[in-house]
Amino acid sequence: MRIKAVFALAALPVVFAACTSRQPAVKAPVNMVIIDPGHFHAALPQKGMLEGVCDTVRVFAPEGPEVQSYLSTVASFNGREQDPTSWVEVPCICQDFLDSVPQAGKGDFVVLAGNNSKKSAYILEAVKKGYNVLSDKPMAIDEEGYAKVKEAYALAEEKGLLVYDLMTERYDVLNEIVRGIVASGEVFRSPLDSVSMESVHHFYKNVAGSVLTRPQWYYDVTQQGEGIADVTTHLVDLAFWQCFPGEGVKAEDVVLKSASHYPTTLTPAQFKASTGADSFPSFLSGCVKDGNLEVFSNGEFSFEAKGVPMTIAVRWDFEAPQGTGDTYSAKISGKEAVVEIIQDESTGYVEQLYVTASDEIVAKVKECLANNYPFANVIPSEEVPGRWLVDVREADRPGHEEHFNVVASTFIGYLGGARVPAWEKVNTLTKYLLTTSAVSRVRSGS
C-alpha cells in the first residue's frame, strides 16, 4: 500500500512547494498551514481532498507525540484502499515553530486544533501574519483568551481576512431539520418558551477503530478548558443558529443568569489507560484529592437570548457503557409545538428527533420536510401520545468525522468569494462571551 505523505523534518524554505493541478473552488490554489496540532480534529478536515487547496501542507509544531499522531492520521487517509487522499505533509518541527511560520500569501489559511490555552494567541498571531483561520473549538477558554479572539476578529476585518469557528454540528442532518422546523412560522407561531441542550462525552473512547490517547494536558482545565467552556460552544452555536435563523445574537441580546460546575474523578489506572502515563504530572498536583484526579469537566449555565430562557449542560464520564458512546439531547419548546432530540436507552443510544404537537401542526411539519428533506418520514410515536418521530435512516446521516471536511469546504468557498453570513461573526463573539463569562462566574463563586 503506497503512502504519499512526506515527513521532512529538516529546515524548510519559506516558499511553498508547487501544487498539483485541480479545478479550484477559488481563483487559484491556496495554501493550508497546520500549527501545533495537539488534537485529532486537526487532521479531520483532510479526510478528503479540498478543492482549491494545494496538496502540499506545511506543518509547524514542537517535537512530540501529538504532531506525530497528526502526521500518522493524514498518512492513514493517504494510504486507505477506498478513495485515498494525496496530501504531501512538510513538517517544520522545532522549538521556535511559531516564528518559522512565513507570511501568508493571498487566500492562505491556518488550521488550529490543540491545546486550548494557546489557541487564542495562535489565532491572533496567524491573523497578524496575514492568514485566514479555521479553528477548532473552543477558540477561547477564559476572559483573557476571549479578549485576544475579539482583537483577532477586529484585525481580520481590517485586513479582509476570515476567522471561522469549526462548527461541525450544524451539518448534522437532524440539527438541520430542527432549524427548518423552528424557522417555519406555521409550526412555531409564537415566540419560543424555552431551550435546553445537554451533551455527554467520554475521556476514554475509540476513534477510527483505535483507542484515543489523550495528551496529559487534556486533563488540565487551565489548558483544555472547563467543560462549560469547551463542548458547550457547539450547543450555544446550535441554540443561536436554530432558534434565530439568519439573525445575529449580539452581546446586548444575552443575559447570563447562573453557572455551576463539578468534577469528574479519575483514578491513576484510568489516567494511565487514557494517556499512557504511569502517574499524574506535577502540573496536575493541585487537582489530586485522595489519590485521584478531579477534572472540572461538568456543569451548566443558564441565560436568556433575546428574551428566550436557555440552559446548556455538559457532562464528561470516563468511559461509555458497553455498546454506547457520546450522547446529545435537546428540547426546544414553543406554545404549540415541542421539538426534541433524544439519545438514550429508549432510543438504543441513537439520536432520534421527535415533534409533539397537534395534528394540524404536524401536517405543517410534514409539508416542510417534504419540500426540503424528502427522505425523512414522520410517523406516530408509540410511547407518547401526540408525539411524532421524524425518522431519518442512519444511512442518510453522515458521521461526525465527515462533517469536518464539509465545514472546511464551506470555509474554502468563503475564501473564494462566497458571502459569509453577517451573523457568523456576531454569534461567535457572543457565544465566547457567554462561555468565558460562565467560567469566570463559577471560579469566582458568584
Protein backbone atom coordinates (compact mmCIF):
# COMPACT_ATOMS: atom_id res chain seq x y z
CA MET A 1 0.00 0.00 0.00
CA ARG A 2 1.61 3.26 -1.10
CA ILE A 3 1.82 6.10 1.45
CA LYS A 4 2.03 9.50 -0.18
CA ALA A 5 2.63 11.70 2.85
CA VAL A 6 6.14 13.14 3.05
CA PHE A 7 7.61 13.65 6.53
CA ALA A 8 10.54 16.03 6.02
CA LEU A 9 11.93 17.22 9.33
CA ALA A 10 14.77 19.37 8.01
CA ALA A 11 14.67 23.14 7.97
CA LEU A 12 12.45 24.38 5.18
CA PRO A 13 12.45 27.43 2.92
CA VAL A 14 9.60 29.87 3.38
CA VAL A 15 8.17 29.19 -0.05
CA PHE A 16 5.53 26.56 -0.62
CA ALA A 17 6.13 23.55 -2.85
CA ALA A 18 4.39 23.54 -6.20
CA CYS A 19 0.78 22.40 -6.09
CA THR A 20 -0.65 19.66 -8.21
CA SER A 21 -3.31 20.88 -10.59
CA ARG A 22 -7.01 20.58 -9.78
CA GLN A 23 -10.04 22.61 -10.71
CA PRO A 24 -10.17 25.02 -7.76
CA ALA A 25 -13.20 26.42 -5.97
CA VAL A 26 -11.16 29.63 -5.55
CA LYS A 27 -9.33 31.62 -8.22
CA ALA A 28 -6.01 29.91 -7.52
CA PRO A 29 -5.00 27.10 -5.15
CA VAL A 30 -4.43 28.41 -1.64
CA ASN A 31 -2.02 27.02 0.91
CA MET A 32 -3.05 25.29 4.11
CA VAL A 33 -0.85 25.56 7.19
CA ILE A 34 -1.19 23.45 10.34
CA ILE A 35 0.08 24.94 13.60
CA ASP A 36 0.80 22.80 16.68
CA PRO A 37 -1.76 20.02 16.03
CA GLY A 38 -2.49 18.72 19.53
CA HIS A 39 -5.92 17.19 18.91
CA PHE A 40 -7.05 14.58 16.39
CA HIS A 41 -9.51 17.16 14.99
CA ALA A 42 -6.52 18.85 13.32
CA ALA A 43 -6.37 16.05 10.74
CA LEU A 44 -10.08 15.57 10.08
CA PRO A 45 -10.51 18.42 7.55
CA GLN A 46 -8.02 16.43 5.44
CA LYS A 47 -10.07 13.23 5.50
CA GLY A 48 -10.95 14.16 1.93
CA MET A 49 -9.23 16.41 -0.59
CA LEU A 50 -10.24 20.07 -0.54
CA GLU A 51 -10.94 21.61 -3.93
CA GLY A 52 -8.90 24.73 -4.49
CA VAL A 53 -6.33 23.88 -1.80
CA CYS A 54 -2.72 23.00 -2.53
CA ASP A 55 -1.95 19.33 -1.85
CA THR A 56 1.26 20.30 -0.04
CA VAL A 57 0.60 21.17 3.60
CA ARG A 58 3.14 22.90 5.81
CA VAL A 59 3.10 21.82 9.47
CA PHE A 60 4.72 23.89 12.24
CA ALA A 61 4.94 22.27 15.65
CA PRO A 62 7.19 21.36 18.57
CA GLU A 63 8.63 17.86 18.75
CA GLY A 64 6.36 15.37 20.45
CA PRO A 65 3.79 12.61 20.09
CA GLU A 66 0.96 14.99 19.16
CA VAL A 67 2.40 16.15 15.84
CA GLN A 68 3.45 12.58 15.05
CA SER A 69 -0.13 11.43 15.70
CA TYR A 70 -1.40 14.10 13.31
CA LEU A 71 1.06 13.03 10.60
CA SER A 72 0.18 9.37 11.07
CA THR A 73 -3.53 10.13 10.76
CA VAL A 74 -3.04 12.00 7.50
CA ALA A 75 -0.85 9.15 6.26
CA SER A 76 -3.67 6.74 7.02
CA PHE A 77 -6.02 8.85 4.88
CA ASN A 78 -3.47 8.71 2.05
CA GLY A 79 -2.98 5.00 2.44
CA ARG A 80 -6.55 3.78 2.72
CA GLU A 81 -7.80 1.48 -0.01
CA GLN A 82 -11.05 3.31 -0.73
CA ASP A 83 -10.82 6.88 -2.05
CA PRO A 84 -7.31 7.64 -0.73
CA THR A 85 -6.19 11.23 -0.33
CA SER A 86 -2.92 12.60 -1.70
CA TRP A 87 -1.71 15.10 0.87
CA VAL A 88 2.00 15.89 1.00
CA GLU A 89 2.92 16.86 4.54
CA VAL A 90 6.00 19.03 5.01
CA PRO A 91 6.72 19.46 8.72
CA CYS A 92 8.88 22.08 10.36
CA ILE A 93 9.40 20.68 13.86
CA CYS A 94 11.39 22.89 16.20
CA GLN A 95 11.12 24.89 19.40
CA ASP A 96 10.61 28.24 17.62
CA PHE A 97 8.00 26.78 15.26
CA LEU A 98 5.68 29.78 15.53
CA ASP A 99 8.42 32.19 14.46
CA SER A 100 9.11 29.90 11.48
CA VAL A 101 5.63 30.33 10.04
CA PRO A 102 6.07 32.53 6.91
CA GLN A 103 3.93 35.49 5.99
CA ALA A 104 0.79 34.36 4.19
CA GLY A 105 0.04 34.62 0.53
CA LYS A 106 -3.38 35.70 -0.67
CA GLY A 107 -6.04 33.26 0.47
CA ASP A 108 -3.71 31.12 2.60
CA PHE A 109 -5.16 29.78 5.82
CA VAL A 110 -4.22 28.15 9.09
CA VAL A 111 -5.96 25.17 10.72
CA LEU A 112 -5.84 25.06 14.52
CA ALA A 113 -6.77 22.21 16.85
CA GLY A 114 -4.87 21.51 20.02
CA ASN A 115 -4.03 22.95 23.42
CA ASN A 116 -6.83 25.43 24.02
CA SER A 117 -4.86 27.71 26.33
CA LYS A 118 -2.67 28.60 23.32
CA LYS A 119 -5.34 28.77 20.66
CA SER A 120 -6.47 32.38 21.06
CA ALA A 121 -2.83 33.55 20.83
CA TYR A 122 -2.28 31.37 17.76
CA ILE A 123 -5.38 32.85 16.12
CA LEU A 124 -4.15 36.38 16.73
CA GLU A 125 -0.61 35.62 15.55
CA ALA A 126 -1.91 33.95 12.39
CA VAL A 127 -4.04 36.95 11.52
CA LYS A 128 -1.08 39.27 12.12
CA LYS A 129 0.86 37.22 9.54
CA GLY A 130 -1.94 37.57 7.02
CA TYR A 131 -3.63 34.18 7.35
CA ASN A 132 -7.28 33.31 7.31
CA VAL A 133 -8.07 30.99 10.23
CA LEU A 134 -10.13 27.81 10.51
CA SER A 135 -10.16 26.99 14.22
CA ASP A 136 -11.47 24.02 16.11
CA LYS A 137 -13.46 24.81 19.22
CA PRO A 138 -13.04 26.37 21.67
CA MET A 139 -11.31 29.48 20.42
CA ALA A 140 -11.14 30.82 23.98
CA ILE A 141 -11.45 29.19 27.41
CA ASP A 142 -11.26 32.26 29.64
CA GLU A 143 -11.80 36.00 29.51
CA GLU A 144 -8.15 36.69 28.63
CA GLY A 145 -8.46 34.38 25.63
CA TYR A 146 -11.74 35.98 24.66
CA ALA A 147 -10.06 39.40 24.56
CA LYS A 148 -7.46 38.01 22.11
CA VAL A 149 -10.18 36.50 19.92
CA LYS A 150 -12.01 39.83 19.80
CA GLU A 151 -8.76 41.54 18.81
CA ALA A 152 -8.13 38.92 16.13
CA TYR A 153 -11.60 39.37 14.63
CA ALA A 154 -11.17 43.15 14.55
CA LEU A 155 -7.75 42.88 12.90
CA ALA A 156 -9.04 40.31 10.42
CA GLU A 157 -11.80 42.68 9.37
CA GLU A 158 -9.23 45.42 8.78
CA LYS A 159 -7.13 43.07 6.64
CA GLY A 160 -10.00 41.47 4.76
CA LEU A 161 -9.34 38.07 6.34
CA LEU A 162 -11.71 35.41 7.64
CA VAL A 163 -11.63 33.86 11.11
CA TYR A 164 -14.02 30.89 11.21
CA ASP A 165 -15.14 28.61 14.02
CA LEU A 166 -15.22 24.94 13.00
CA MET A 167 -18.83 24.25 13.98
CA THR A 168 -19.46 20.74 12.70
CA GLU A 169 -22.79 20.15 14.45
CA ARG A 170 -24.65 22.44 12.05
CA TYR A 171 -24.04 19.81 9.38
CA ASP A 172 -25.78 17.02 11.28
CA VAL A 173 -28.97 16.35 9.32
CA LEU A 174 -31.17 16.17 12.43
CA ASN A 175 -29.89 19.56 13.58
CA GLU A 176 -30.59 20.96 10.10
CA ILE A 177 -34.16 19.63 10.26
CA VAL A 178 -34.68 21.14 13.72
CA ARG A 179 -33.61 24.50 12.35
CA GLY A 180 -36.02 24.18 9.43
CA ILE A 181 -38.93 23.30 11.72
CA VAL A 182 -38.21 26.10 14.17
CA ALA A 183 -37.82 28.57 11.30
CA SER A 184 -41.27 27.63 9.99
CA GLY A 185 -43.74 30.22 11.23
CA GLU A 186 -46.54 27.77 10.60
CA VAL A 187 -45.13 25.44 13.26
CA PHE A 188 -43.78 27.83 15.87
CA ARG A 189 -46.41 30.52 15.57
CA SER A 190 -45.31 32.43 18.65
CA PRO A 191 -42.03 33.19 20.45
CA LEU A 192 -40.17 30.25 21.92
CA ASP A 193 -40.81 29.33 25.54
CA SER A 194 -37.51 27.65 26.43
CA VAL A 195 -34.46 25.81 25.14
CA SER A 196 -32.33 23.17 26.85
CA MET A 197 -29.39 21.17 25.49
CA GLU A 198 -27.04 18.63 27.05
CA SER A 199 -24.00 16.79 25.73
CA VAL A 200 -22.36 13.78 27.39
CA HIS A 201 -18.80 12.88 26.39
CA HIS A 202 -16.20 10.34 27.46
CA PHE A 203 -12.48 10.63 28.07
CA TYR A 204 -11.70 7.03 27.09
CA LYS A 205 -13.01 6.17 23.64
CA ASN A 206 -12.27 4.59 20.29
CA VAL A 207 -11.67 6.82 17.28
CA ALA A 208 -11.33 5.25 13.82
CA GLY A 209 -11.03 1.80 15.40
CA SER A 210 -8.24 2.67 17.85
CA VAL A 211 -8.21 3.78 21.49
CA LEU A 212 -7.71 7.54 21.57
CA THR A 213 -4.59 8.55 23.52
CA ARG A 214 -5.17 11.85 25.26
CA PRO A 215 -2.27 14.21 25.98
CA GLN A 216 -1.75 14.70 29.71
CA TRP A 217 -2.57 18.39 29.46
CA TYR A 218 -6.06 17.43 28.26
CA TYR A 219 -6.97 16.89 31.92
CA ASP A 220 -5.78 20.35 32.97
CA VAL A 221 -8.71 22.78 32.74
CA THR A 222 -6.27 25.71 32.50
CA GLN A 223 -5.07 24.18 29.21
CA GLN A 224 -8.04 22.25 27.82
CA GLY A 225 -10.68 24.45 29.42
CA GLU A 226 -13.51 23.64 31.76
CA GLY A 227 -16.39 21.62 30.36
CA ILE A 228 -18.61 24.70 30.26
CA ALA A 229 -16.07 26.44 28.01
CA ASP A 230 -15.47 23.54 25.64
CA VAL A 231 -18.24 21.31 24.27
CA THR A 232 -20.81 23.95 25.17
CA THR A 233 -19.56 26.10 22.30
CA HIS A 234 -21.33 23.68 19.93
CA LEU A 235 -24.53 23.83 21.96
CA VAL A 236 -24.69 27.62 22.20
CA ASP A 237 -23.92 27.80 18.49
CA LEU A 238 -26.83 25.44 17.74
CA ALA A 239 -29.16 27.37 20.05
CA PHE A 240 -28.47 30.64 18.22
CA TRP A 241 -28.45 29.05 14.75
CA GLN A 242 -31.64 27.05 15.22
CA CYS A 243 -33.73 29.47 17.26
CA PHE A 244 -32.83 32.69 15.45
CA PRO A 245 -32.11 31.60 11.86
CA GLY A 246 -30.43 34.30 9.82
CA GLU A 247 -30.29 36.66 12.82
CA GLY A 248 -27.28 37.84 14.74
CA VAL A 249 -27.34 37.42 18.50
CA LYS A 250 -25.45 40.40 19.90
CA ALA A 251 -23.81 40.75 23.31
CA GLU A 252 -26.64 43.02 24.43
CA ASP A 253 -29.15 40.31 23.45
CA VAL A 254 -27.92 37.86 26.12
CA VAL A 255 -28.02 37.84 29.92
CA LEU A 256 -26.11 35.20 31.88
CA LYS A 257 -28.31 34.04 34.78
CA SER A 258 -26.39 31.25 36.52
CA ALA A 259 -23.46 28.87 36.14
CA SER A 260 -22.20 25.81 38.01
CA HIS A 261 -19.56 23.12 37.66
CA TYR A 262 -18.43 19.87 39.29
CA PRO A 263 -15.56 17.44 38.68
CA THR A 264 -15.16 14.05 37.07
CA THR A 265 -12.88 11.88 39.23
CA LEU A 266 -10.25 9.70 37.55
CA THR A 267 -8.17 7.01 39.22
CA PRO A 268 -4.46 6.66 38.40
CA ALA A 269 -5.32 3.50 36.42
CA GLN A 270 -7.89 5.37 34.33
CA PHE A 271 -5.43 8.20 33.69
CA LYS A 272 -2.83 5.68 32.52
CA ALA A 273 -5.34 3.94 30.26
CA SER A 274 -6.18 7.28 28.64
CA THR A 275 -2.75 8.91 28.43
CA GLY A 276 -0.22 6.10 28.85
CA ALA A 277 1.35 7.96 31.80
CA ASP A 278 2.22 5.99 34.96
CA SER A 279 1.42 8.91 37.28
CA PHE A 280 -0.22 12.30 37.36
CA PRO A 281 2.14 15.06 36.12
CA SER A 282 3.27 17.79 38.50
CA PHE A 283 1.13 20.44 36.80
CA LEU A 284 -1.95 18.49 37.94
CA SER A 285 -0.81 18.07 41.55
CA GLY A 286 -3.24 20.74 42.75
CA CYS A 287 -6.14 18.77 41.26
CA VAL A 288 -5.33 15.47 43.03
CA LYS A 289 -7.55 14.60 46.00
CA ASP A 290 -7.26 11.37 47.98
CA GLY A 291 -5.02 9.95 45.27
CA ASN A 292 -7.47 10.59 42.42
CA LEU A 293 -7.64 13.37 39.83
CA GLU A 294 -10.53 15.84 39.81
CA VAL A 295 -11.28 17.42 36.44
CA PHE A 296 -13.91 20.18 36.30
CA SER A 297 -15.35 18.96 33.04
CA ASN A 298 -19.02 19.05 34.03
CA GLY A 299 -21.50 21.83 34.57
CA GLU A 300 -24.22 24.00 33.14
CA PHE A 301 -25.17 27.61 32.66
CA SER A 302 -28.45 29.36 32.05
CA PHE A 303 -29.02 32.57 30.14
CA GLU A 304 -31.58 34.50 28.18
CA ALA A 305 -31.07 35.14 24.47
CA LYS A 306 -33.45 37.71 23.01
CA GLY A 307 -35.70 37.01 25.97
CA VAL A 308 -35.76 33.20 25.49
CA PRO A 309 -34.60 31.18 28.56
CA MET A 310 -31.84 28.71 27.62
CA THR A 311 -29.92 26.11 29.62
CA ILE A 312 -26.75 24.46 28.36
CA ALA A 313 -25.22 21.45 30.14
CA VAL A 314 -22.20 19.20 29.63
CA ARG A 315 -21.02 16.04 31.33
CA TRP A 316 -17.82 14.01 30.91
CA ASP A 317 -17.64 10.44 32.16
CA PHE A 318 -14.53 8.31 31.88
CA GLU A 319 -15.97 5.63 29.61
CA ALA A 320 -19.31 5.00 27.96
CA PRO A 321 -21.34 1.90 28.89
CA GLN A 322 -20.74 -1.05 26.60
CA GLY A 323 -22.32 -0.55 23.18
CA THR A 324 -22.93 3.17 23.66
CA GLY A 325 -20.99 6.38 23.11
CA ASP A 326 -21.26 10.15 23.40
CA THR A 327 -24.83 11.39 23.57
CA TYR A 328 -26.73 14.59 22.83
CA SER A 329 -30.18 15.76 23.83
CA ALA A 330 -32.08 18.96 23.11
CA LYS A 331 -35.54 20.37 23.67
CA ILE A 332 -36.97 23.49 22.03
CA SER A 333 -40.41 24.40 23.34
CA GLY A 334 -42.99 26.74 21.89
CA LYS A 335 -46.62 27.48 22.65
CA GLU A 336 -47.92 24.97 20.11
CA ALA A 337 -45.04 22.59 19.47
CA VAL A 338 -42.08 20.93 21.14
CA VAL A 339 -39.09 19.65 19.16
CA GLU A 340 -36.75 17.21 20.88
CA ILE A 341 -33.62 15.25 20.08
CA ILE A 342 -33.33 12.24 22.37
CA GLN A 343 -30.39 9.85 22.58
CA ASP A 344 -30.60 7.45 25.48
CA GLU A 345 -31.58 3.90 26.37
CA SER A 346 -35.10 4.44 24.98
CA THR A 347 -33.67 5.12 21.50
CA GLY A 348 -30.94 2.49 21.64
CA TYR A 349 -28.47 5.37 22.05
CA VAL A 350 -29.21 6.54 18.51
CA GLU A 351 -30.16 10.21 18.10
CA GLN A 352 -33.85 10.49 17.29
CA LEU A 353 -35.91 13.57 16.51
CA TYR A 354 -39.45 14.00 17.84
CA VAL A 355 -42.17 16.62 17.44
CA THR A 356 -45.01 16.93 19.94
CA ALA A 357 -47.90 18.98 18.54
CA SER A 358 -51.46 18.86 17.29
CA ASP A 359 -52.36 17.01 14.10
CA GLU A 360 -52.72 20.37 12.36
CA ILE A 361 -49.19 21.42 13.29
CA VAL A 362 -47.75 18.00 12.43
CA ALA A 363 -49.29 18.32 8.96
CA LYS A 364 -47.30 21.55 8.54
CA VAL A 365 -44.13 19.74 9.69
CA LYS A 366 -44.73 17.04 7.09
CA GLU A 367 -45.16 19.68 4.41
CA CYS A 368 -41.95 21.42 5.46
CA LEU A 369 -39.99 18.16 5.37
CA ALA A 370 -41.48 17.01 2.06
CA ASN A 371 -40.16 20.16 0.40
CA ASN A 372 -36.69 20.06 1.93
CA TYR A 373 -35.95 16.61 3.37
CA PRO A 374 -37.95 14.06 1.35
CA PHE A 375 -36.01 11.17 2.90
CA ALA A 376 -37.45 11.99 6.35
CA ASN A 377 -40.64 10.20 7.39
CA VAL A 378 -42.98 11.47 10.10
CA ILE A 379 -44.62 8.62 11.98
CA PRO A 380 -46.58 8.40 15.26
CA SER A 381 -44.55 7.54 18.35
CA GLU A 382 -45.91 4.53 20.20
CA GLU A 383 -44.56 5.62 23.60
CA VAL A 384 -46.04 9.12 23.99
CA PRO A 385 -49.48 10.23 22.70
CA GLY A 386 -49.24 13.28 20.45
CA ARG A 387 -45.53 12.77 19.82
CA TRP A 388 -44.25 12.03 16.31
CA LEU A 389 -40.92 10.58 15.25
CA VAL A 390 -39.10 12.32 12.41
CA ASP A 391 -37.44 9.20 11.10
CA VAL A 392 -34.18 9.57 9.17
CA ARG A 393 -32.27 6.42 8.30
CA GLU A 394 -28.74 6.26 9.67
CA ALA A 395 -27.58 5.74 6.08
CA ASP A 396 -28.76 9.30 5.39
CA ARG A 397 -26.76 10.69 8.30
CA PRO A 398 -23.06 11.23 7.52
CA GLY A 399 -20.90 10.63 10.61
CA HIS A 400 -19.38 13.32 12.81
CA GLU A 401 -15.89 12.89 11.36
CA GLU A 402 -17.22 13.51 7.85
CA HIS A 403 -18.52 16.92 8.88
CA PHE A 404 -15.01 18.37 9.32
CA ASN A 405 -14.20 18.12 5.64
CA VAL A 406 -17.59 19.66 4.77
CA VAL A 407 -17.01 22.62 7.10
CA ALA A 408 -13.56 23.09 5.61
CA SER A 409 -15.06 23.08 2.10
CA THR A 410 -17.59 25.73 3.17
CA PHE A 411 -14.74 27.82 4.57
CA ILE A 412 -12.79 27.47 1.30
CA GLY A 413 -15.90 28.63 -0.56
CA TYR A 414 -15.93 31.78 1.55
CA LEU A 415 -12.27 32.39 0.72
CA GLY A 416 -13.21 32.02 -2.94
CA GLY A 417 -15.78 34.79 -2.77
CA ALA A 418 -18.95 33.22 -1.36
CA ARG A 419 -20.66 35.63 1.00
CA VAL A 420 -20.14 34.97 4.71
CA PRO A 421 -23.44 35.41 6.60
CA ALA A 422 -23.40 38.59 8.65
CA TRP A 423 -24.44 36.71 11.79
CA GLU A 424 -21.39 34.43 11.81
CA LYS A 425 -19.01 36.86 13.49
CA VAL A 426 -21.68 38.32 15.78
CA ASN A 427 -22.84 34.93 17.03
CA THR A 428 -19.31 33.62 17.51
CA LEU A 429 -18.20 36.54 19.65
CA THR A 430 -21.39 36.44 21.72
CA LYS A 431 -21.00 32.68 22.19
CA TYR A 432 -17.49 33.01 23.60
CA LEU A 433 -18.53 35.94 25.75
CA LEU A 434 -21.14 33.65 27.34
CA THR A 435 -18.91 30.61 27.84
CA THR A 436 -15.94 32.52 29.25
CA SER A 437 -18.20 34.62 31.48
CA ALA A 438 -19.71 31.38 32.82
CA VAL A 439 -16.21 30.11 33.65
CA SER A 440 -15.36 33.36 35.45
CA ARG A 441 -18.57 33.13 37.44
CA VAL A 442 -18.01 29.57 38.69
CA ARG A 443 -14.39 30.28 39.55
CA SER A 444 -15.26 33.40 41.49
CA GLY A 445 -18.12 31.65 43.28
CA SER A 446 -20.53 34.45 42.42
